[in-house]
Amino acid sequence: MKSAPILVAVVDDDESVRESLPALLNELGFATKTFSTAEEFLQSGVADNAKCLILDIAMPGMSGPELHRELVKRGYSIPTVFMSARPEFASQANMREGPVRCLLKPFSEAALLEALERALNLK
């Protein structure tokens, strides 16, 4: 019997990322749920089942780092991969938030897979 795919949640206000990233993750064997805002993710209940989060750093409303802090405050310890199109945000997140990795957009499939393997201890 085949086990269920690992659920990865993607939170990004950019619609093109919410469409393309799940397609790539599905191709790599992961299940995905996407959200356009941090607030939408928090209200969804997906935090109970997600094994990894891929969060945009800069979003309207609650940012990726703010969502990460809120999840920790609520007792969740979901491995998190931040992503940003802005190098200065990426370096700040790496120093302060303790993510598994911070990917600079656009990133390669190999970089994404390496970040997920690290997050999920697959290697």
PDB file of N, CA and C in Angstrom:
ATOM      1  N   MET A   1       0.836  -1.177   0.000  1.00  0.00           N
ATOM      2  CA  MET A   1       0.000   0.000   0.000  1.00  0.00           C
ATOM      3  C   MET A   1       0.883   1.242   0.000  1.00  0.00           C
ATOM      4  N   LYS A   2       0.610   2.167  -0.894  1.00  0.00           N
ATOM      5  CA  LYS A   2       1.392   3.385  -1.028  1.00  0.00           C
ATOM      6  C   LYS A   2       0.955   4.401   0.019  1.00  0.00           C
ATOM      7  N   SER A   3       1.948   5.054   0.649  1.00  0.00           N
ATOM      8  CA  SER A   3       1.614   6.057   1.651  1.00  0.00           C
ATOM      9  C   SER A   3       1.182   7.357   0.970  1.00  0.00           C
ATOM     10  N   ALA A   4       0.440   8.151   1.703  1.00  0.00           N
ATOM     11  CA  ALA A   4      -0.052   9.427   1.169  1.00  0.00           C
ATOM     12  C   ALA A   4       1.126  10.366   0.945  1.00  0.00           C
ATOM     13  N   PRO A   5       1.047  11.206  -0.083  1.00  0.00           N
ATOM     14  CA  PRO A   5       2.130  12.158  -0.325  1.00  0.00           C
ATOM     15  C   PRO A   5       2.248  13.168   0.812  1.00  0.00           C
ATOM     16  N   ILE A   6       3.449  13.666   1.017  1.00  0.00           N
ATOM     17  CA  ILE A   6       3.723  14.675   2.037  1.00  0.00           C
ATOM     18  C   ILE A   6       3.069  15.991   1.620  1.00  0.00           C
ATOM     19  N   LEU A   7       2.357  16.626   2.564  1.00  0.00           N
ATOM     20  CA  LEU A   7       1.658  17.883   2.282  1.00  0.00           C
ATOM     21  C   LEU A   7       2.581  19.084   2.513  1.00  0.00           C
ATOM     22  N   VAL A   8       2.742  19.876   1.457  1.00  0.00           N
ATOM     23  CA  VAL A   8       3.513  21.116   1.511  1.00  0.00           C
ATOM     24  C   VAL A   8       2.541  22.266   1.261  1.00  0.00           C
ATOM     25  N   ALA A   9       2.499  23.225   2.173  1.00  0.00           N
ATOM     26  CA  ALA A   9       1.643  24.409   2.007  1.00  0.00           C
ATOM     27  C   ALA A   9       2.473  25.542   1.424  1.00  0.00           C
ATOM     28  N   VAL A  10       1.894  26.237   0.460  1.00  0.00           N
ATOM     29  CA  VAL A  10       2.550  27.373  -0.193  1.00  0.00           C
ATOM     30  C   VAL A  10       1.716  28.618   0.097  1.00  0.00           C
ATOM     31  N   VAL A  11       2.360  29.648   0.649  1.00  0.00           N
ATOM     32  CA  VAL A  11       1.676  30.906   0.932  1.00  0.00           C
ATOM     33  C   VAL A  11       2.412  32.011   0.189  1.00  0.00           C
ATOM     34  N   ASP A  12       1.746  32.579  -0.819  1.00  0.00           N
ATOM     35  CA  ASP A  12       2.349  33.636  -1.636  1.00  0.00           C
ATOM     36  C   ASP A  12       1.236  34.452  -2.256  1.00  0.00           C
ATOM     37  N   ASP A  13       1.370  35.772  -2.226  1.00  0.00           N
ATOM     38  CA  ASP A  13       0.344  36.626  -2.811  1.00  0.00           C
ATOM     39  C   ASP A  13       0.430  36.682  -4.333  1.00  0.00           C
ATOM     40  N   ASP A  14       1.497  36.151  -4.917  1.00  0.00           N
ATOM     41  CA  ASP A  14       1.690  36.154  -6.369  1.00  0.00           C
ATOM     42  C   ASP A  14       0.966  34.946  -6.985  1.00  0.00           C
ATOM     43  N   GLU A  15      -0.057  35.228  -7.775  1.00  0.00           N
ATOM     44  CA  GLU A  15      -0.862  34.156  -8.367  1.00  0.00           C
ATOM     45  C   GLU A  15      -0.034  33.219  -9.248  1.00  0.00           C
ATOM     46  N   SER A  16       0.941  33.758  -9.976  1.00  0.00           N
ATOM     47  CA  SER A  16       1.748  32.907 -10.850  1.00  0.00           C
ATOM     48  C   SER A  16       2.557  31.893 -10.043  1.00  0.00           C
ATOM     49  N   VAL A  17       3.008  32.278  -8.865  1.00  0.00           N
ATOM     50  CA  VAL A  17       3.730  31.343  -7.992  1.00  0.00           C
ATOM     51  C   VAL A  17       2.762  30.283  -7.461  1.00  0.00           C
ATOM     52  N   ARG A  18       1.558  30.715  -7.065  1.00  0.00           N
ATOM     53  CA  ARG A  18       0.558  29.761  -6.547  1.00  0.00           C
ATOM     54  C   ARG A  18       0.112  28.766  -7.611  1.00  0.00           C
ATOM     55  N   GLU A  19       0.261  29.117  -8.874  1.00  0.00           N
ATOM     56  CA  GLU A  19      -0.098  28.183  -9.948  1.00  0.00           C
ATOM     57  C   GLU A  19       1.076  27.297 -10.348  1.00  0.00           C
ATOM     58  N   SER A  20       2.269  27.879 -10.467  1.00  0.00           N
ATOM     59  CA  SER A  20       3.411  27.113 -10.977  1.00  0.00           C
ATOM     60  C   SER A  20       4.087  26.239  -9.923  1.00  0.00           C
ATOM     61  N   LEU A  21       4.239  26.742  -8.714  1.00  0.00           N
ATOM     62  CA  LEU A  21       4.946  25.977  -7.684  1.00  0.00           C
ATOM     63  C   LEU A  21       4.236  24.675  -7.318  1.00  0.00           C
ATOM     64  N   PRO A  22       2.924  24.660  -7.148  1.00  0.00           N
ATOM     65  CA  PRO A  22       2.257  23.383  -6.864  1.00  0.00           C
ATOM     66  C   PRO A  22       2.432  22.362  -7.993  1.00  0.00           C
ATOM     67  N   ALA A  23       2.440  22.821  -9.234  1.00  0.00           N
ATOM     68  CA  ALA A  23       2.634  21.896 -10.352  1.00  0.00           C
ATOM     69  C   ALA A  23       3.998  21.223 -10.229  1.00  0.00           C
ATOM     70  N   LEU A  24       5.024  21.998  -9.908  1.00  0.00           N
ATOM     71  CA  LEU A  24       6.367  21.446  -9.735  1.00  0.00           C
ATOM     72  C   LEU A  24       6.418  20.519  -8.524  1.00  0.00           C
ATOM     73  N   LEU A  25       5.827  20.940  -7.419  1.00  0.00           N
ATOM     74  CA  LEU A  25       5.819  20.099  -6.211  1.00  0.00           C
ATOM     75  C   LEU A  25       5.077  18.789  -6.446  1.00  0.00           C
ATOM     76  N   ASN A  26       3.961  18.850  -7.160  1.00  0.00           N
ATOM     77  CA  ASN A  26       3.215  17.628  -7.479  1.00  0.00           C
ATOM     78  C   ASN A  26       4.054  16.692  -8.342  1.00  0.00           C
ATOM     79  N   GLU A  27       4.784  17.271  -9.291  1.00  0.00           N
ATOM     80  CA  GLU A  27       5.669  16.487 -10.153  1.00  0.00           C
ATOM     81  C   GLU A  27       6.754  15.788  -9.331  1.00  0.00           C
ATOM     82  N   LEU A  28       7.188  16.442  -8.246  1.00  0.00           N
ATOM     83  CA  LEU A  28       8.208  15.875  -7.370  1.00  0.00           C
ATOM     84  C   LEU A  28       7.624  14.890  -6.357  1.00  0.00           C
ATOM     85  N   GLY A  29       6.299  14.706  -6.379  1.00  0.00           N
ATOM     86  CA  GLY A  29       5.667  13.709  -5.520  1.00  0.00           C
ATOM     87  C   GLY A  29       5.027  14.246  -4.251  1.00  0.00           C
ATOM     88  N   PHE A  30       4.922  15.554  -4.118  1.00  0.00           N
ATOM     89  CA  PHE A  30       4.322  16.162  -2.935  1.00  0.00           C
ATOM     90  C   PHE A  30       2.873  16.553  -3.201  1.00  0.00           C
ATOM     91  N   ALA A  31       2.064  16.538  -2.153  1.00  0.00           N
ATOM     92  CA  ALA A  31       0.719  17.111  -2.212  1.00  0.00           C
ATOM     93  C   ALA A  31       0.862  18.579  -1.827  1.00  0.00           C
ATOM     94  N   THR A  32       0.001  19.440  -2.360  1.00  0.00           N
ATOM     95  CA  THR A  32       0.121  20.865  -2.044  1.00  0.00           C
ATOM     96  C   THR A  32      -1.229  21.494  -1.741  1.00  0.00           C
ATOM     97  N   LYS A  33      -1.177  22.526  -0.948  1.00  0.00           N
ATOM     98  CA  LYS A  33      -2.299  23.432  -0.711  1.00  0.00           C
ATOM     99  C   LYS A  33      -1.722  24.827  -0.833  1.00  0.00           C
ATOM    100  N   THR A  34      -2.427  25.716  -1.532  1.00  0.00           N
ATOM    101  CA  THR A  34      -1.918  27.073  -1.720  1.00  0.00           C
ATOM    102  C   THR A  34      -2.843  28.095  -1.080  1.00  0.00           C
ATOM    103  N   PHE A  35      -2.232  29.201  -0.668  1.00  0.00           N
ATOM    104  CA  PHE A  35      -2.957  30.277  -0.008  1.00  0.00           C
ATOM    105  C   PHE A  35      -2.386  31.604  -0.464  1.00  0.00           C
ATOM    106  N   SER A  36      -3.254  32.592  -0.641  1.00  0.00           N
ATOM    107  CA  SER A  36      -2.806  33.894  -1.122  1.00  0.00           C
ATOM    108  C   SER A  36      -2.400  34.833   0.017  1.00  0.00           C
ATOM    109  N   THR A  37      -2.784  34.490   1.240  1.00  0.00           N
ATOM    110  CA  THR A  37      -2.407  35.315   2.397  1.00  0.00           C
ATOM    111  C   THR A  37      -2.095  34.427   3.597  1.00  0.00           C
ATOM    112  N   ALA A  38      -1.330  34.993   4.515  1.00  0.00           N
ATOM    113  CA  ALA A  38      -1.019  34.281   5.758  1.00  0.00           C
ATOM    114  C   ALA A  38      -2.290  34.043   6.565  1.00  0.00           C
ATOM    115  N   GLU A  39      -3.159  35.035   6.560  1.00  0.00           N
ATOM    116  CA  GLU A  39      -4.415  34.927   7.312  1.00  0.00           C
ATOM    117  C   GLU A  39      -5.274  33.781   6.772  1.00  0.00           C
ATOM    118  N   GLU A  40      -5.324  33.643   5.459  1.00  0.00           N
ATOM    119  CA  GLU A  40      -6.081  32.553   4.836  1.00  0.00           C
ATOM    120  C   GLU A  40      -5.517  31.201   5.281  1.00  0.00           C
ATOM    121  N   PHE A  41      -4.201  31.099   5.322  1.00  0.00           N
ATOM    122  CA  PHE A  41      -3.566  29.861   5.775  1.00  0.00           C
ATOM    123  C   PHE A  41      -3.939  29.562   7.222  1.00  0.00           C
ATOM    124  N   LEU A  42      -3.842  30.565   8.095  1.00  0.00           N
ATOM    125  CA  LEU A  42      -4.149  30.353   9.514  1.00  0.00           C
ATOM    126  C   LEU A  42      -5.589  29.899   9.725  1.00  0.00           C
ATOM    127  N   GLN A  43      -6.512  30.428   8.940  1.00  0.00           N
ATOM    128  CA  GLN A  43      -7.932  30.082   9.097  1.00  0.00           C
ATOM    129  C   GLN A  43      -8.279  28.719   8.497  1.00  0.00           C
ATOM    130  N   SER A  44      -7.404  28.178   7.660  1.00  0.00           N
ATOM    131  CA  SER A  44      -7.720  26.951   6.920  1.00  0.00           C
ATOM    132  C   SER A  44      -7.623  25.666   7.735  1.00  0.00           C
ATOM    133  N   GLY A  45      -6.837  25.667   8.797  1.00  0.00           N
ATOM    134  CA  GLY A  45      -6.611  24.440   9.547  1.00  0.00           C
ATOM    135  C   GLY A  45      -5.546  23.539   8.943  1.00  0.00           C
ATOM    136  N   VAL A  46      -4.940  23.926   7.836  1.00  0.00           N
ATOM    137  CA  VAL A  46      -3.929  23.109   7.158  1.00  0.00           C
ATOM    138  C   VAL A  46      -2.656  22.976   8.001  1.00  0.00           C
ATOM    139  N   ALA A  47      -2.425  23.907   8.920  1.00  0.00           N
ATOM    140  CA  ALA A  47      -1.234  23.828   9.773  1.00  0.00           C
ATOM    141  C   ALA A  47      -1.183  22.516  10.545  1.00  0.00           C
ATOM    142  N   ASP A  48      -2.329  21.917  10.797  1.00  0.00           N
ATOM    143  CA  ASP A  48      -2.367  20.652  11.524  1.00  0.00           C
ATOM    144  C   ASP A  48      -1.791  19.496  10.712  1.00  0.00           C
ATOM    145  N   ASN A  49      -1.802  19.605   9.384  1.00  0.00           N
ATOM    146  CA  ASN A  49      -1.363  18.499   8.533  1.00  0.00           C
ATOM    147  C   ASN A  49      -0.144  18.786   7.668  1.00  0.00           C
ATOM    148  N   ALA A  50       0.196  20.049   7.496  1.00  0.00           N
ATOM    149  CA  ALA A  50       1.330  20.401   6.633  1.00  0.00           C
ATOM    150  C   ALA A  50       2.634  19.927   7.254  1.00  0.00           C
ATOM    151  N   LYS A  51       3.476  19.328   6.451  1.00  0.00           N
ATOM    152  CA  LYS A  51       4.780  18.862   6.915  1.00  0.00           C
ATOM    153  C   LYS A  51       5.878  19.864   6.577  1.00  0.00           C
ATOM    154  N   CYS A  52       5.558  20.838   5.701  1.00  0.00           N
ATOM    155  CA  CYS A  52       6.506  21.870   5.325  1.00  0.00           C
ATOM    156  C   CYS A  52       5.724  23.071   4.811  1.00  0.00           C
ATOM    157  N   LEU A  53       6.253  24.267   5.059  1.00  0.00           N
ATOM    158  CA  LEU A  53       5.665  25.503   4.548  1.00  0.00           C
ATOM    159  C   LEU A  53       6.669  26.166   3.624  1.00  0.00           C
ATOM    160  N   ILE A  54       6.167  26.671   2.515  1.00  0.00           N
ATOM    161  CA  ILE A  54       6.971  27.527   1.650  1.00  0.00           C
ATOM    162  C   ILE A  54       6.275  28.883   1.678  1.00  0.00           C
ATOM    163  N   LEU A  55       6.954  29.871   2.269  1.00  0.00           N
ATOM    164  CA  LEU A  55       6.338  31.174   2.535  1.00  0.00           C
ATOM    165  C   LEU A  55       7.073  32.292   1.830  1.00  0.00           C
ATOM    166  N   ASP A  56       6.309  33.144   1.156  1.00  0.00           N
ATOM    167  CA  ASP A  56       6.865  34.372   0.639  1.00  0.00           C
ATOM    168  C   ASP A  56       7.142  35.277   1.830  1.00  0.00           C
ATOM    169  N   ILE A  57       8.223  36.029   1.761  1.00  0.00           N
ATOM    170  CA  ILE A  57       8.564  36.914   2.869  1.00  0.00           C
ATOM    171  C   ILE A  57       7.680  38.152   2.877  1.00  0.00           C
ATOM    172  N   ALA A  58       7.594  38.831   1.731  1.00  0.00           N
ATOM    173  CA  ALA A  58       6.876  40.110   1.661  1.00  0.00           C
ATOM    174  C   ALA A  58       5.501  39.906   1.051  1.00  0.00           C
ATOM    175  N   MET A  59       4.474  39.993   1.902  1.00  0.00           N
ATOM    176  CA  MET A  59       3.092  39.882   1.450  1.00  0.00           C
ATOM    177  C   MET A  59       2.290  40.997   2.110  1.00  0.00           C
ATOM    178  N   PRO A  60       1.197  41.414   1.469  1.00  0.00           N
ATOM    179  CA  PRO A  60       0.323  42.391   2.135  1.00  0.00           C
ATOM    180  C   PRO A  60      -0.259  41.762   3.398  1.00  0.00           C
ATOM    181  N   GLY A  61      -0.518  42.573   4.387  1.00  0.00           N
ATOM    182  CA  GLY A  61      -1.028  42.037   5.645  1.00  0.00           C
ATOM    183  C   GLY A  61       0.110  41.382   6.404  1.00  0.00           C
ATOM    184  N   MET A  62      -0.118  40.181   6.882  1.00  0.00           N
ATOM    185  CA  MET A  62       0.882  39.453   7.643  1.00  0.00           C
ATOM    186  C   MET A  62       1.966  38.922   6.709  1.00  0.00           C
ATOM    187  N   SER A  63       3.221  39.203   7.027  1.00  0.00           N
ATOM    188  CA  SER A  63       4.344  38.730   6.207  1.00  0.00           C
ATOM    189  C   SER A  63       4.659  37.265   6.521  1.00  0.00           C
ATOM    190  N   GLY A  64       5.510  36.666   5.699  1.00  0.00           N
ATOM    191  CA  GLY A  64       5.945  35.292   5.951  1.00  0.00           C
ATOM    192  C   GLY A  64       6.595  35.131   7.320  1.00  0.00           C
ATOM    193  N   PRO A  65       7.573  36.002   7.667  1.00  0.00           N
ATOM    194  CA  PRO A  65       8.176  35.891   8.999  1.00  0.00           C
ATOM    195  C   PRO A  65       7.169  36.082  10.140  1.00  0.00           C
ATOM    196  N   GLU A  66       6.203  36.975   9.944  1.00  0.00           N
ATOM    197  CA  GLU A  66       5.173  37.162  10.978  1.00  0.00           C
ATOM    198  C   GLU A  66       4.313  35.910  11.107  1.00  0.00           C
ATOM    199  N   LEU A  67       3.975  35.279   9.991  1.00  0.00           N
ATOM    200  CA  LEU A  67       3.219  34.021  10.034  1.00  0.00           C
ATOM    201  C   LEU A  67       4.030  32.949  10.755  1.00  0.00           C
ATOM    202  N   HIS A  68       5.304  32.864  10.446  1.00  0.00           N
ATOM    203  CA  HIS A  68       6.172  31.874  11.098  1.00  0.00           C
ATOM    204  C   HIS A  68       6.163  32.076  12.615  1.00  0.00           C
ATOM    205  N   ARG A  69       6.313  33.323  13.051  1.00  0.00           N
ATOM    206  CA  ARG A  69       6.293  33.618  14.492  1.00  0.00           C
ATOM    207  C   ARG A  69       4.946  33.261  15.116  1.00  0.00           C
ATOM    208  N   GLU A  70       3.853  33.542  14.410  1.00  0.00           N
ATOM    209  CA  GLU A  70       2.520  33.227  14.921  1.00  0.00           C
ATOM    210  C   GLU A  70       2.334  31.714  15.074  1.00  0.00           C
ATOM    211  N   LEU A  71       2.823  30.964  14.110  1.00  0.00           N
ATOM    212  CA  LEU A  71       2.716  29.503  14.193  1.00  0.00           C
ATOM    213  C   LEU A  71       3.511  28.969  15.383  1.00  0.00           C
ATOM    214  N   VAL A  72       4.711  29.485  15.585  1.00  0.00           N
ATOM    215  CA  VAL A  72       5.523  29.066  16.734  1.00  0.00           C
ATOM    216  C   VAL A  72       4.794  29.400  18.032  1.00  0.00           C
ATOM    217  N   LYS A  73       4.218  30.600  18.080  1.00  0.00           N
ATOM    218  CA  LYS A  73       3.457  31.034  19.268  1.00  0.00           C
ATOM    219  C   LYS A  73       2.296  30.082  19.540  1.00  0.00           C
ATOM    220  N   ARG A  74       1.690  29.550  18.486  1.00  0.00           N
ATOM    221  CA  ARG A  74       0.559  28.626  18.631  1.00  0.00           C
ATOM    222  C   ARG A  74       1.002  27.176  18.850  1.00  0.00           C
ATOM    223  N   GLY A  75       2.307  26.947  18.922  1.00  0.00           N
ATOM    224  CA  GLY A  75       2.810  25.612  19.225  1.00  0.00           C
ATOM    225  C   GLY A  75       3.140  24.739  18.028  1.00  0.00           C
ATOM    226  N   TYR A  76       3.137  25.297  16.833  1.00  0.00           N
ATOM    227  CA  TYR A  76       3.488  24.531  15.637  1.00  0.00           C
ATOM    228  C   TYR A  76       4.988  24.623  15.387  1.00  0.00           C
ATOM    229  N   SER A  77       5.566  23.542  14.916  1.00  0.00           N
ATOM    230  CA  SER A  77       6.981  23.553  14.537  1.00  0.00           C
ATOM    231  C   SER A  77       7.117  22.959  13.137  1.00  0.00           C
ATOM    232  N   ILE A  78       6.511  23.623  12.182  1.00  0.00           N
ATOM    233  CA  ILE A  78       6.515  23.157  10.792  1.00  0.00           C
ATOM    234  C   ILE A  78       7.776  23.680  10.113  1.00  0.00           C
ATOM    235  N   PRO A  79       8.599  22.792   9.545  1.00  0.00           N
ATOM    236  CA  PRO A  79       9.778  23.267   8.818  1.00  0.00           C
ATOM    237  C   PRO A  79       9.353  24.264   7.742  1.00  0.00           C
ATOM    238  N   THR A  80      10.093  25.377   7.671  1.00  0.00           N
ATOM    239  CA  THR A  80       9.697  26.478   6.803  1.00  0.00           C
ATOM    240  C   THR A  80      10.808  26.871   5.850  1.00  0.00           C
ATOM    241  N   VAL A  81      10.425  27.033   4.589  1.00  0.00           N
ATOM    242  CA  VAL A  81      11.324  27.547   3.563  1.00  0.00           C
ATOM    243  C   VAL A  81      10.760  28.899   3.142  1.00  0.00           C
ATOM    244  N   PHE A  82      11.527  29.958   3.365  1.00  0.00           N
ATOM    245  CA  PHE A  82      11.113  31.280   2.911  1.00  0.00           C
ATOM    246  C   PHE A  82      11.556  31.476   1.468  1.00  0.00           C
ATOM    247  N   MET A  83      10.868  32.372   0.774  1.00  0.00           N
ATOM    248  CA  MET A  83      11.283  32.749  -0.579  1.00  0.00           C
ATOM    249  C   MET A  83      11.018  34.234  -0.755  1.00  0.00           C
ATOM    250  N   SER A  84      11.870  34.847  -1.582  1.00  0.00           N
ATOM    251  CA  SER A  84      11.725  36.273  -1.843  1.00  0.00           C
ATOM    252  C   SER A  84      12.396  36.624  -3.158  1.00  0.00           C
ATOM    253  N   ALA A  85      11.852  37.627  -3.818  1.00  0.00           N
ATOM    254  CA  ALA A  85      12.468  38.153  -5.028  1.00  0.00           C
ATOM    255  C   ALA A  85      13.515  39.207  -4.670  1.00  0.00           C
ATOM    256  N   ARG A  86      13.561  39.597  -3.408  1.00  0.00           N
ATOM    257  CA  ARG A  86      14.480  40.670  -2.985  1.00  0.00           C
ATOM    258  C   ARG A  86      15.582  40.113  -2.098  1.00  0.00           C
ATOM    259  N   PRO A  87      16.838  40.196  -2.574  1.00  0.00           N
ATOM    260  CA  PRO A  87      17.966  39.624  -1.825  1.00  0.00           C
ATOM    261  C   PRO A  87      18.088  40.147  -0.395  1.00  0.00           C
ATOM    262  N   GLU A  88      17.777  41.435  -0.184  1.00  0.00           N
ATOM    263  CA  GLU A  88      17.919  41.985   1.169  1.00  0.00           C
ATOM    264  C   GLU A  88      16.919  41.351   2.135  1.00  0.00           C
ATOM    265  N   PHE A  89      15.724  41.011   1.659  1.00  0.00           N
ATOM    266  CA  PHE A  89      14.754  40.319   2.505  1.00  0.00           C
ATOM    267  C   PHE A  89      15.217  38.899   2.800  1.00  0.00           C
ATOM    268  N   ALA A  90      15.758  38.244   1.796  1.00  0.00           N
ATOM    269  CA  ALA A  90      16.216  36.864   1.953  1.00  0.00           C
ATOM    270  C   ALA A  90      17.307  36.769   3.012  1.00  0.00           C
ATOM    271  N   SER A  91      18.268  37.674   2.990  1.00  0.00           N
ATOM    272  CA  SER A  91      19.349  37.608   3.970  1.00  0.00           C
ATOM    273  C   SER A  91      18.844  37.945   5.368  1.00  0.00           C
ATOM    274  N   GLN A  92      17.910  38.882   5.493  1.00  0.00           N
ATOM    275  CA  GLN A  92      17.344  39.216   6.803  1.00  0.00           C
ATOM    276  C   GLN A  92      16.589  38.025   7.384  1.00  0.00           C
ATOM    277  N   ALA A  93      15.819  37.332   6.552  1.00  0.00           N
ATOM    278  CA  ALA A  93      15.047  36.179   7.032  1.00  0.00           C
ATOM    279  C   ALA A  93      15.982  35.069   7.472  1.00  0.00           C
ATOM    280  N   ASN A  94      17.062  34.857   6.741  1.00  0.00           N
ATOM    281  CA  ASN A  94      18.009  33.813   7.118  1.00  0.00           C
ATOM    282  C   ASN A  94      18.610  34.081   8.491  1.00  0.00           C
ATOM    283  N   MET A  95      18.864  35.340   8.799  1.00  0.00           N
ATOM    284  CA  MET A  95      19.507  35.666  10.061  1.00  0.00           C
ATOM    285  C   MET A  95      18.543  35.610  11.235  1.00  0.00           C
ATOM    286  N   ARG A  96      17.300  36.024  11.028  1.00  0.00           N
ATOM    287  CA  ARG A  96      16.402  36.206  12.162  1.00  0.00           C
ATOM    288  C   ARG A  96      15.409  35.081  12.401  1.00  0.00           C
ATOM    289  N   GLU A  97      14.910  34.486  11.363  1.00  0.00           N
ATOM    290  CA  GLU A  97      13.767  33.593  11.526  1.00  0.00           C
ATOM    291  C   GLU A  97      14.125  32.119  11.656  1.00  0.00           C
ATOM    292  N   GLY A  98      15.339  31.747  11.314  1.00  0.00           N
ATOM    293  CA  GLY A  98      15.736  30.361  11.435  1.00  0.00           C
ATOM    294  C   GLY A  98      15.021  29.417  10.496  1.00  0.00           C
ATOM    295  N   PRO A  99      14.778  29.818   9.242  1.00  0.00           N
ATOM    296  CA  PRO A  99      14.133  28.887   8.321  1.00  0.00           C
ATOM    297  C   PRO A  99      15.108  27.795   7.906  1.00  0.00           C
ATOM    298  N   VAL A 100      14.589  26.755   7.320  1.00  0.00           N
ATOM    299  CA  VAL A 100      15.439  25.711   6.757  1.00  0.00           C
ATOM    300  C   VAL A 100      16.294  26.313   5.659  1.00  0.00           C
ATOM    301  N   ARG A 101      15.691  27.165   4.881  1.00  0.00           N
ATOM    302  CA  ARG A 101      16.380  27.778   3.745  1.00  0.00           C
ATOM    303  C   ARG A 101      15.585  28.996   3.317  1.00  0.00           C
ATOM    304  N   CYS A 102      16.248  29.931   2.677  1.00  0.00           N
ATOM    305  CA  CYS A 102      15.553  31.042   2.055  1.00  0.00           C
ATOM    306  C   CYS A 102      15.967  31.072   0.592  1.00  0.00           C
ATOM    307  N   LEU A 103      15.007  30.839  -0.281  1.00  0.00           N
ATOM    308  CA  LEU A 103      15.260  30.791  -1.715  1.00  0.00           C
ATOM    309  C   LEU A 103      15.023  32.154  -2.334  1.00  0.00           C
ATOM    310  N   LEU A 104      15.922  32.544  -3.220  1.00  0.00           N
ATOM    311  CA  LEU A 104      15.790  33.798  -3.937  1.00  0.00           C
ATOM    312  C   LEU A 104      15.093  33.514  -5.259  1.00  0.00           C
ATOM    313  N   LYS A 105      13.956  34.179  -5.476  1.00  0.00           N
ATOM    314  CA  LYS A 105      13.186  33.990  -6.715  1.00  0.00           C
ATOM    315  C   LYS A 105      13.912  34.646  -7.874  1.00  0.00           C
ATOM    316  N   PRO A 106      13.915  34.077  -9.029  1.00  0.00           N
ATOM    317  CA  PRO A 106      13.451  32.732  -9.350  1.00  0.00           C
ATOM    318  C   PRO A 106      14.499  31.710  -8.909  1.00  0.00           C
ATOM    319  N   PHE A 107      14.054  30.570  -8.431  1.00  0.00           N
ATOM    320  CA  PHE A 107      14.970  29.525  -7.978  1.00  0.00           C
ATOM    321  C   PHE A 107      14.799  28.293  -8.848  1.00  0.00           C
ATOM    322  N   SER A 108      15.814  27.456  -8.834  1.00  0.00           N
ATOM    323  CA  SER A 108      15.799  26.259  -9.674  1.00  0.00           C
ATOM    324  C   SER A 108      15.039  25.127  -8.988  1.00  0.00           C
ATOM    325  N   GLU A 109      14.651  24.163  -9.783  1.00  0.00           N
ATOM    326  CA  GLU A 109      14.014  22.964  -9.247  1.00  0.00           C
ATOM    327  C   GLU A 109      14.961  22.265  -8.267  1.00  0.00           C
ATOM    328  N   ALA A 110      16.253  22.242  -8.605  1.00  0.00           N
ATOM    329  CA  ALA A 110      17.246  21.597  -7.740  1.00  0.00           C
ATOM    330  C   ALA A 110      17.333  22.303  -6.387  1.00  0.00           C
ATOM    331  N   ALA A 111      17.308  23.637  -6.382  1.00  0.00           N
ATOM    332  CA  ALA A 111      17.371  24.385  -5.120  1.00  0.00           C
ATOM    333  C   ALA A 111      16.128  24.112  -4.273  1.00  0.00           C
ATOM    334  N   LEU A 112      14.979  24.058  -4.920  1.00  0.00           N
ATOM    335  CA  LEU A 112      13.736  23.762  -4.205  1.00  0.00           C
ATOM    336  C   LEU A 112      13.778  22.359  -3.616  1.00  0.00           C
ATOM    337  N   LEU A 113      14.193  21.395  -4.404  1.00  0.00           N
ATOM    338  CA  LEU A 113      14.247  20.014  -3.929  1.00  0.00           C
ATOM    339  C   LEU A 113      15.226  19.876  -2.774  1.00  0.00           C
ATOM    340  N   GLU A 114      16.370  20.540  -2.855  1.00  0.00           N
ATOM    341  CA  GLU A 114      17.357  20.481  -1.775  1.00  0.00           C
ATOM    342  C   GLU A 114      16.770  21.081  -0.495  1.00  0.00           C
ATOM    343  N   ALA A 115      16.054  22.196  -0.616  1.00  0.00           N
ATOM    344  CA  ALA A 115      15.438  22.827   0.560  1.00  0.00           C
ATOM    345  C   ALA A 115      14.374  21.917   1.171  1.00  0.00           C
ATOM    346  N   LEU A 116      13.579  21.274   0.340  1.00  0.00           N
ATOM    347  CA  LEU A 116      12.548  20.360   0.847  1.00  0.00           C
ATOM    348  C   LEU A 116      13.168  19.132   1.489  1.00  0.00           C
ATOM    349  N   GLU A 117      14.212  18.595   0.898  1.00  0.00           N
ATOM    350  CA  GLU A 117      14.884  17.429   1.482  1.00  0.00           C
ATOM    351  C   GLU A 117      15.463  17.779   2.846  1.00  0.00           C
ATOM    352  N   ARG A 118      16.024  18.981   2.963  1.00  0.00           N
ATOM    353  CA  ARG A 118      16.570  19.415   4.253  1.00  0.00           C
ATOM    354  C   ARG A 118      15.440  19.619   5.262  1.00  0.00           C
ATOM    355  N   ALA A 119      14.367  20.257   4.818  1.00  0.00           N
ATOM    356  CA  ALA A 119      13.237  20.533   5.714  1.00  0.00           C
ATOM    357  C   ALA A 119      12.601  19.250   6.245  1.00  0.00           C
ATOM    358  N   LEU A 120      12.511  18.275   5.373  1.00  0.00           N
ATOM    359  CA  LEU A 120      11.803  17.040   5.714  1.00  0.00           C
ATOM    360  C   LEU A 120      12.737  15.905   6.132  1.00  0.00           C
ATOM    361  N   ASN A 121      14.019  16.199   6.243  1.00  0.00           N
ATOM    362  CA  ASN A 121      15.025  15.183   6.589  1.00  0.00           C
ATOM    363  C   ASN A 121      14.938  13.971   5.686  1.00  0.00           C
ATOM    364  N   LEU A 122      14.838  14.216   4.383  1.00  0.00           N
ATOM    365  CA  LEU A 122      14.721  13.123   3.429  1.00  0.00           C
ATOM    366  C   LEU A 122      16.078  12.597   2.982  1.00  0.00           C
ATOM    367  N   LYS A 123      17.126  13.299   3.303  1.00  0.00           N
ATOM    368  CA  LYS A 123      18.472  12.850   2.926  1.00  0.00           C
ATOM    369  C   LYS A 123      19.317  12.649   4.134  1.00  0.00           C
TER     370      LYS A 123
END
